Amino acid sequence: MTESTTHKPTDDGGPIADPPPSPPEKILCPHCQRTATNGIKCQGICVADSDY
């Protein structure tokens, strides 16, 4: 008696790796740590410190 095995096609790339980390976002305000996409609203301190 012979045993037959079925072989499923495999991915040549091996395990799926995590994507490379994205570079950190530029901080627009050093006081409130606001970036363009993090949803933080500026506290107004930066306006007071800007010598206007």
Protein backbone atom coordinates (compact mmCIF):
# COMPACT_ATOMS: atom_id res chain seq x y z
CA MET A 1 0.00 0.00 0.00
CA THR A 2 1.35 3.43 -0.89
CA GLU A 3 0.48 6.65 0.79
CA SER A 4 -0.25 9.69 -1.28
CA THR A 5 0.29 13.13 0.07
CA THR A 6 -1.18 16.26 -1.33
CA HIS A 7 1.01 19.30 -1.50
CA LYS A 8 -0.52 22.72 -1.38
CA PRO A 9 1.29 25.48 -3.22
CA THR A 10 3.35 27.55 -0.82
CA ASP A 11 4.32 31.18 -0.84
CA ASP A 12 7.95 31.58 -1.85
CA GLY A 13 8.31 34.68 0.35
CA GLY A 14 7.99 32.84 3.62
CA PRO A 15 6.09 34.43 6.49
CA ILE A 16 4.51 37.80 5.86
CA ALA A 17 6.60 40.50 7.50
CA ASP A 18 5.27 43.66 9.08
CA PRO A 19 5.58 46.77 6.90
CA PRO A 20 8.50 49.04 7.74
CA PRO A 21 7.67 51.69 10.35
CA SER A 22 6.64 55.03 8.94
CA PRO A 23 8.79 58.04 9.78
CA PRO A 24 7.57 60.07 12.78
CA GLU A 25 5.23 62.95 12.00
CA LYS A 26 6.56 66.48 12.16
CA ILE A 27 5.44 68.20 15.37
CA LEU A 28 3.89 71.52 14.42
CA CYS A 29 3.72 72.97 17.95
CA PRO A 30 6.36 72.13 20.58
CA HIS A 31 4.01 73.15 23.40
CA CYS A 32 0.98 70.98 22.66
CA GLN A 33 2.77 68.32 20.52
CA ARG A 34 0.25 68.87 17.70
CA THR A 35 0.89 67.20 14.34
CA ALA A 36 -1.08 67.52 11.12
CA THR A 37 -3.05 64.33 11.79
CA ASN A 38 -3.14 63.55 15.53
CA GLY A 39 -6.28 65.62 16.24
CA ILE A 40 -4.75 67.72 19.03
CA LYS A 41 -5.85 71.35 19.03
CA CYS A 42 -3.28 74.00 19.86
CA GLN A 43 -3.61 75.48 23.34
CA GLY A 44 -2.59 78.96 22.24
CA ILE A 45 0.64 79.00 24.23
CA CYS A 46 2.69 79.08 21.04
CA VAL A 47 0.97 82.34 20.03
CA ALA A 48 1.87 83.90 23.39
CA ASP A 49 5.50 82.83 23.00
CA SER A 50 5.91 84.06 19.42
CA ASP A 51 6.64 87.73 20.34
CA TYR A 52 3.66 89.12 18.42
